[in-house]
Amino acid sequence: MHWGAKWDQMTAVFQQTVDAIETIRSANSPDEICSRLTTFTGQFGLTGMIAGTMPMPNDPPKKQASHLLASGFPEDWMHRYLARSYFRTDPVIRRIQSNIQPFQWTEVEAYVDDTNFVAARQIFGEASEFGLNAGFAVPMITLDGDVAAVSLAGERIDVPPTAPGMIAMVSNFAIARAIELRTANVRRVKAKLAPREIECIRWTAEGKTQWEISVILSVSEYTVETHLKNAARKLSDLSPAISSRFR
C-alpha cells in the first residue's frame, strides 16, 4: 500500500474512533452506552455487548448482577448465565482475570482444562442459541483497582488487524462512562438515605436480623424495621443493579 493511502487509512480509523468516543461521552444511561458502542462495533459483526466488573467466585446471582454496568445481551441468556453462575467456569472470564490484553473468544484454549471442559462447551453452545457465536473481549483495570471488561459478540464477526485497537479504545471509554454514571447514581442514592437507614442496610447485608441490628444500634426492633421500609421506599425507583448495592 502506498504511504499516502496508508496515512489516509490511519486518519480515517482515528477519526472513526474519536467520533465513537464522542457519542458515548454524551450517553446518559447504560442502554445508551450499549446502543452507541454496538453501533460502532456492529461494522465488525459485534452487535451485542456486556460490561461490568468481575464478581467474587461465591457471589450469588443477585450479587453477580450488581457487577453489571451495562448489558445489551439477550435478557434470557443473561438470566440463565447468572442463575447458573456460569462465570465460575467460563473460560472467557478466566482469560479476562488473567490477562488484560484484548482477545477474541477463540483465543481461550489455554483456559479450558479438566475442571471446566464440559462447562465451557455448554456455555459456548448455549450462547450460540442466542446468536452469540463469536466474540471479542476487552479487559481493563479500573481506577479502584478492580478487574473489569467489555465483552462484545455476534452471530458472525470479522475483526481485521486495524480493528482491535479501535475496539479496545472505545470500549475502555464506554466502561469508564458506565462507571461514571453508576457512581453518580450511587451518590444520589446516598444523599436520599438517612445515616441510620444506611447503617441498617449495611447490617442487613451482613446477614444480621432486625433484632440483632436493634441490639447493635441500641434502638427498638420496630425502629429498625421502619428504617428499612423507608430505605426500600426511597430505592424503589432505582434499577436492581443500583439498589442491590445497598441490600
Protein backbone atom coordinates (compact mmCIF):
# COMPACT_ATOMS: atom_id res chain seq x y z
CA MET A 1 0.00 0.00 0.00
CA HIS A 2 1.31 3.44 -0.93
CA TRP A 3 2.38 5.56 2.07
CA GLY A 4 -0.18 8.26 1.26
CA ALA A 5 -3.03 5.74 1.10
CA LYS A 6 -1.85 4.15 4.35
CA TRP A 7 -1.83 7.55 6.02
CA ASP A 8 -5.36 8.23 4.80
CA GLN A 9 -6.49 4.89 6.22
CA MET A 10 -4.87 5.62 9.59
CA THR A 11 -6.51 9.05 9.66
CA ALA A 12 -9.90 7.56 8.87
CA VAL A 13 -9.51 4.94 11.61
CA PHE A 14 -8.52 7.61 14.12
CA GLN A 15 -11.42 9.86 13.21
CA GLN A 16 -13.91 6.99 13.40
CA THR A 17 -12.61 6.10 16.88
CA VAL A 18 -12.85 9.71 18.07
CA ASP A 19 -16.38 10.03 16.71
CA ALA A 20 -17.47 6.87 18.55
CA ILE A 21 -15.95 8.11 21.80
CA GLU A 22 -17.74 11.43 21.48
CA THR A 23 -21.12 9.74 21.03
CA ILE A 24 -20.53 7.64 24.16
CA ARG A 25 -19.37 10.70 26.12
CA SER A 26 -22.91 12.12 25.92
CA ALA A 27 -24.65 8.82 26.84
CA ASN A 28 -26.83 9.25 29.93
CA SER A 29 -27.80 5.64 30.65
CA PRO A 30 -26.39 2.11 30.37
CA ASP A 31 -28.81 1.42 27.49
CA GLU A 32 -27.45 4.41 25.57
CA ILE A 33 -23.90 3.21 26.16
CA CYS A 34 -24.80 -0.24 24.78
CA SER A 35 -26.54 1.22 21.77
CA ARG A 36 -23.77 3.65 20.88
CA LEU A 37 -20.94 1.19 21.41
CA THR A 38 -22.60 -1.54 19.33
CA THR A 39 -23.43 0.97 16.61
CA PHE A 40 -19.66 1.39 16.30
CA THR A 41 -18.70 -2.29 16.72
CA GLY A 42 -21.56 -3.54 14.55
CA GLN A 43 -19.40 -2.97 11.48
CA PHE A 44 -17.30 -5.91 12.72
CA GLY A 45 -20.33 -8.08 13.44
CA LEU A 46 -20.17 -7.32 17.18
CA THR A 47 -23.81 -6.43 17.72
CA GLY A 48 -24.24 -7.29 21.41
CA MET A 49 -22.26 -6.30 24.47
CA ILE A 50 -21.94 -6.55 28.21
CA ALA A 51 -19.77 -4.52 30.56
CA GLY A 52 -19.01 -4.95 34.22
CA THR A 53 -16.56 -5.70 36.98
CA MET A 54 -15.66 -9.26 37.95
CA PRO A 55 -17.74 -10.84 40.75
CA MET A 56 -16.27 -12.96 43.52
CA PRO A 57 -16.35 -16.76 42.99
CA ASN A 58 -19.04 -17.40 45.62
CA ASP A 59 -21.30 -14.46 44.80
CA PRO A 60 -24.99 -15.46 44.46
CA PRO A 61 -26.84 -14.44 41.26
CA LYS A 62 -28.23 -11.21 42.74
CA LYS A 63 -24.74 -10.14 43.82
CA GLN A 64 -23.36 -11.09 40.41
CA ALA A 65 -25.96 -8.84 38.78
CA SER A 66 -24.76 -5.88 40.85
CA HIS A 67 -21.43 -6.07 38.98
CA LEU A 68 -23.12 -5.40 35.65
CA LEU A 69 -22.60 -1.87 34.41
CA ALA A 70 -24.32 -2.19 31.04
CA SER A 71 -25.86 -5.14 29.21
CA GLY A 72 -27.03 -5.49 25.65
CA PHE A 73 -27.04 -9.29 25.53
CA PRO A 74 -30.41 -11.10 25.25
CA GLU A 75 -32.19 -10.96 28.62
CA ASP A 76 -33.00 -14.68 28.61
CA TRP A 77 -29.33 -15.51 28.11
CA MET A 78 -28.20 -13.18 30.90
CA HIS A 79 -30.83 -14.64 33.26
CA ARG A 80 -29.58 -18.16 32.51
CA TYR A 81 -25.91 -17.17 32.77
CA LEU A 82 -26.40 -15.55 36.17
CA ALA A 83 -28.81 -18.15 37.56
CA ARG A 84 -26.38 -20.96 36.74
CA SER A 85 -23.29 -18.98 37.84
CA TYR A 86 -21.56 -19.72 34.54
CA PHE A 87 -18.92 -17.10 35.29
CA ARG A 88 -17.24 -19.56 37.66
CA THR A 89 -16.26 -21.86 34.78
CA ASP A 90 -16.45 -19.56 31.75
CA PRO A 91 -13.02 -19.62 30.01
CA VAL A 92 -13.62 -16.09 28.73
CA ILE A 93 -13.88 -14.87 32.35
CA ARG A 94 -10.78 -16.85 33.30
CA ARG A 95 -8.88 -15.19 30.46
CA ILE A 96 -10.11 -11.73 31.49
CA GLN A 97 -8.96 -12.30 35.07
CA SER A 98 -5.52 -13.47 33.94
CA ASN A 99 -4.55 -11.10 31.14
CA ILE A 100 -5.72 -7.59 30.30
CA GLN A 101 -4.88 -7.81 26.60
CA PRO A 102 -7.95 -7.71 24.26
CA PHE A 103 -8.76 -11.07 22.72
CA GLN A 104 -11.26 -12.98 20.61
CA TRP A 105 -13.26 -15.74 22.28
CA THR A 106 -11.47 -18.27 20.10
CA GLU A 107 -8.25 -17.48 21.99
CA VAL A 108 -9.23 -19.12 25.28
CA GLU A 109 -7.99 -22.68 24.72
CA ALA A 110 -5.37 -22.28 27.45
CA TYR A 111 -8.16 -21.51 29.94
CA VAL A 112 -10.06 -24.73 29.31
CA ASP A 113 -8.95 -27.74 31.36
CA ASP A 114 -10.37 -30.80 33.06
CA THR A 115 -12.21 -28.63 35.61
CA ASN A 116 -14.27 -26.69 33.08
CA PHE A 117 -14.10 -28.53 29.74
CA VAL A 118 -17.70 -29.78 29.83
CA ALA A 119 -18.99 -26.48 31.25
CA ALA A 120 -17.14 -24.44 28.60
CA ARG A 121 -18.72 -26.46 25.78
CA GLN A 122 -22.12 -25.98 27.36
CA ILE A 123 -21.65 -22.22 27.81
CA PHE A 124 -20.50 -21.63 24.24
CA GLY A 125 -23.18 -23.95 22.89
CA GLU A 126 -25.97 -22.20 24.76
CA ALA A 127 -24.62 -18.74 23.90
CA SER A 128 -24.81 -19.64 20.21
CA GLU A 129 -28.52 -20.38 20.67
CA PHE A 130 -28.92 -16.66 21.33
CA GLY A 131 -26.88 -15.58 18.31
CA LEU A 132 -23.65 -15.13 20.29
CA ASN A 133 -21.45 -17.39 18.18
CA ALA A 134 -18.22 -15.44 18.46
CA GLY A 135 -16.91 -12.54 20.45
CA PHE A 136 -14.21 -10.08 21.38
CA ALA A 137 -13.35 -9.11 24.97
CA VAL A 138 -11.56 -6.04 26.29
CA PRO A 139 -10.31 -6.46 29.88
CA MET A 140 -9.14 -3.49 31.91
CA ILE A 141 -8.25 -2.35 35.41
CA THR A 142 -10.42 0.41 36.89
CA LEU A 143 -9.11 3.34 38.91
CA ASP A 144 -10.27 1.46 42.02
CA GLY A 145 -8.09 -1.50 41.06
CA ASP A 146 -10.99 -3.76 40.05
CA VAL A 147 -10.81 -6.06 37.03
CA ALA A 148 -13.48 -5.03 34.55
CA ALA A 149 -14.27 -5.91 30.96
CA VAL A 150 -16.40 -5.26 27.94
CA SER A 151 -17.37 -8.42 26.09
CA LEU A 152 -18.82 -8.00 22.60
CA ALA A 153 -20.39 -10.71 20.50
CA GLY A 154 -22.38 -11.50 17.41
CA GLU A 155 -23.50 -14.23 15.05
CA ARG A 156 -20.62 -13.67 12.63
CA ILE A 157 -17.70 -11.40 13.37
CA ASP A 158 -14.90 -10.05 11.22
CA VAL A 159 -12.21 -8.21 13.19
CA PRO A 160 -9.48 -7.02 10.79
CA PRO A 161 -5.97 -6.13 12.05
CA THR A 162 -6.84 -2.43 12.34
CA ALA A 163 -9.91 -3.08 14.49
CA PRO A 164 -8.70 -4.42 17.90
CA GLY A 165 -7.06 -1.15 18.90
CA MET A 166 -10.13 0.84 17.87
CA ILE A 167 -12.49 -1.50 19.71
CA ALA A 168 -10.33 -1.52 22.83
CA MET A 169 -10.07 2.26 22.99
CA VAL A 170 -13.80 2.85 22.53
CA SER A 171 -14.68 0.01 24.93
CA ASN A 172 -12.40 1.43 27.62
CA PHE A 173 -14.18 4.75 27.30
CA ALA A 174 -17.58 3.04 27.38
CA ILE A 175 -16.90 1.24 30.65
CA ALA A 176 -15.44 4.41 32.14
CA ARG A 177 -18.65 6.25 31.25
CA ALA A 178 -20.74 3.42 32.72
CA ILE A 179 -18.77 3.59 35.97
CA GLU A 180 -19.18 7.37 35.99
CA LEU A 181 -22.95 7.02 35.65
CA ARG A 182 -23.08 4.29 38.32
CA THR A 183 -21.06 6.43 40.74
CA ALA A 184 -23.31 9.43 40.17
CA ASN A 185 -26.40 7.30 40.81
CA VAL A 186 -24.93 5.84 44.00
CA ARG A 187 -24.14 9.31 45.27
CA ARG A 188 -27.70 10.40 44.59
CA VAL A 189 -28.99 7.37 46.45
CA LYS A 190 -26.77 8.02 49.45
CA ALA A 191 -27.93 11.61 49.50
CA LYS A 192 -31.53 10.38 49.80
CA LEU A 193 -30.85 7.91 52.60
CA ALA A 194 -30.55 8.89 56.24
CA PRO A 195 -27.39 7.69 58.06
CA ARG A 196 -29.41 5.25 60.19
CA GLU A 197 -31.07 3.82 57.07
CA ILE A 198 -27.66 3.18 55.53
CA GLU A 199 -26.46 1.52 58.74
CA CYS A 200 -29.48 -0.79 58.82
CA ILE A 201 -28.99 -1.73 55.17
CA ARG A 202 -25.32 -2.50 55.71
CA TRP A 203 -26.00 -4.70 58.74
CA THR A 204 -28.75 -6.46 56.79
CA ALA A 205 -26.25 -7.12 54.02
CA GLU A 206 -24.01 -8.73 56.66
CA GLY A 207 -26.81 -11.18 57.40
CA LYS A 208 -28.00 -9.65 60.67
CA THR A 209 -31.64 -9.97 61.70
CA GLN A 210 -33.71 -6.93 62.62
CA TRP A 211 -33.44 -7.93 66.28
CA GLU A 212 -29.64 -8.19 66.07
CA ILE A 213 -29.43 -4.81 64.36
CA SER A 214 -31.62 -3.28 67.07
CA VAL A 215 -29.16 -4.53 69.70
CA ILE A 216 -26.13 -3.27 67.76
CA LEU A 217 -27.64 0.20 67.22
CA SER A 218 -29.33 0.36 70.64
CA VAL A 219 -32.76 1.04 69.15
CA SER A 220 -36.02 -0.86 69.07
CA GLU A 221 -36.69 -3.60 66.55
CA TYR A 222 -39.64 -1.54 65.31
CA THR A 223 -37.27 1.37 64.61
CA VAL A 224 -35.00 -0.88 62.55
CA GLU A 225 -37.98 -2.15 60.58
CA THR A 226 -39.10 1.43 59.94
CA HIS A 227 -35.63 2.45 58.72
CA LEU A 228 -35.51 -0.50 56.31
CA LYS A 229 -39.00 0.20 54.97
CA ASN A 230 -38.16 3.88 54.43
CA ALA A 231 -34.93 2.93 52.65
CA ALA A 232 -36.77 0.42 50.44
CA ARG A 233 -39.30 3.07 49.50
CA LYS A 234 -36.57 5.56 48.55
CA LEU A 235 -34.76 2.93 46.49
CA SER A 236 -37.85 1.60 44.75
CA ASP A 237 -37.38 3.81 41.69
CA LEU A 238 -33.84 2.61 41.09
CA SER A 239 -32.65 -0.21 38.89
CA PRO A 240 -31.93 -3.58 40.56
CA ALA A 241 -28.23 -3.24 39.80
CA ILE A 242 -28.00 0.01 41.80
CA SER A 243 -30.33 -0.84 44.66
CA SER A 244 -28.66 -4.23 45.21
CA ARG A 245 -25.53 -2.43 46.35
CA PHE A 246 -27.48 -1.29 49.41
CA ARG A 247 -29.09 -4.62 50.30
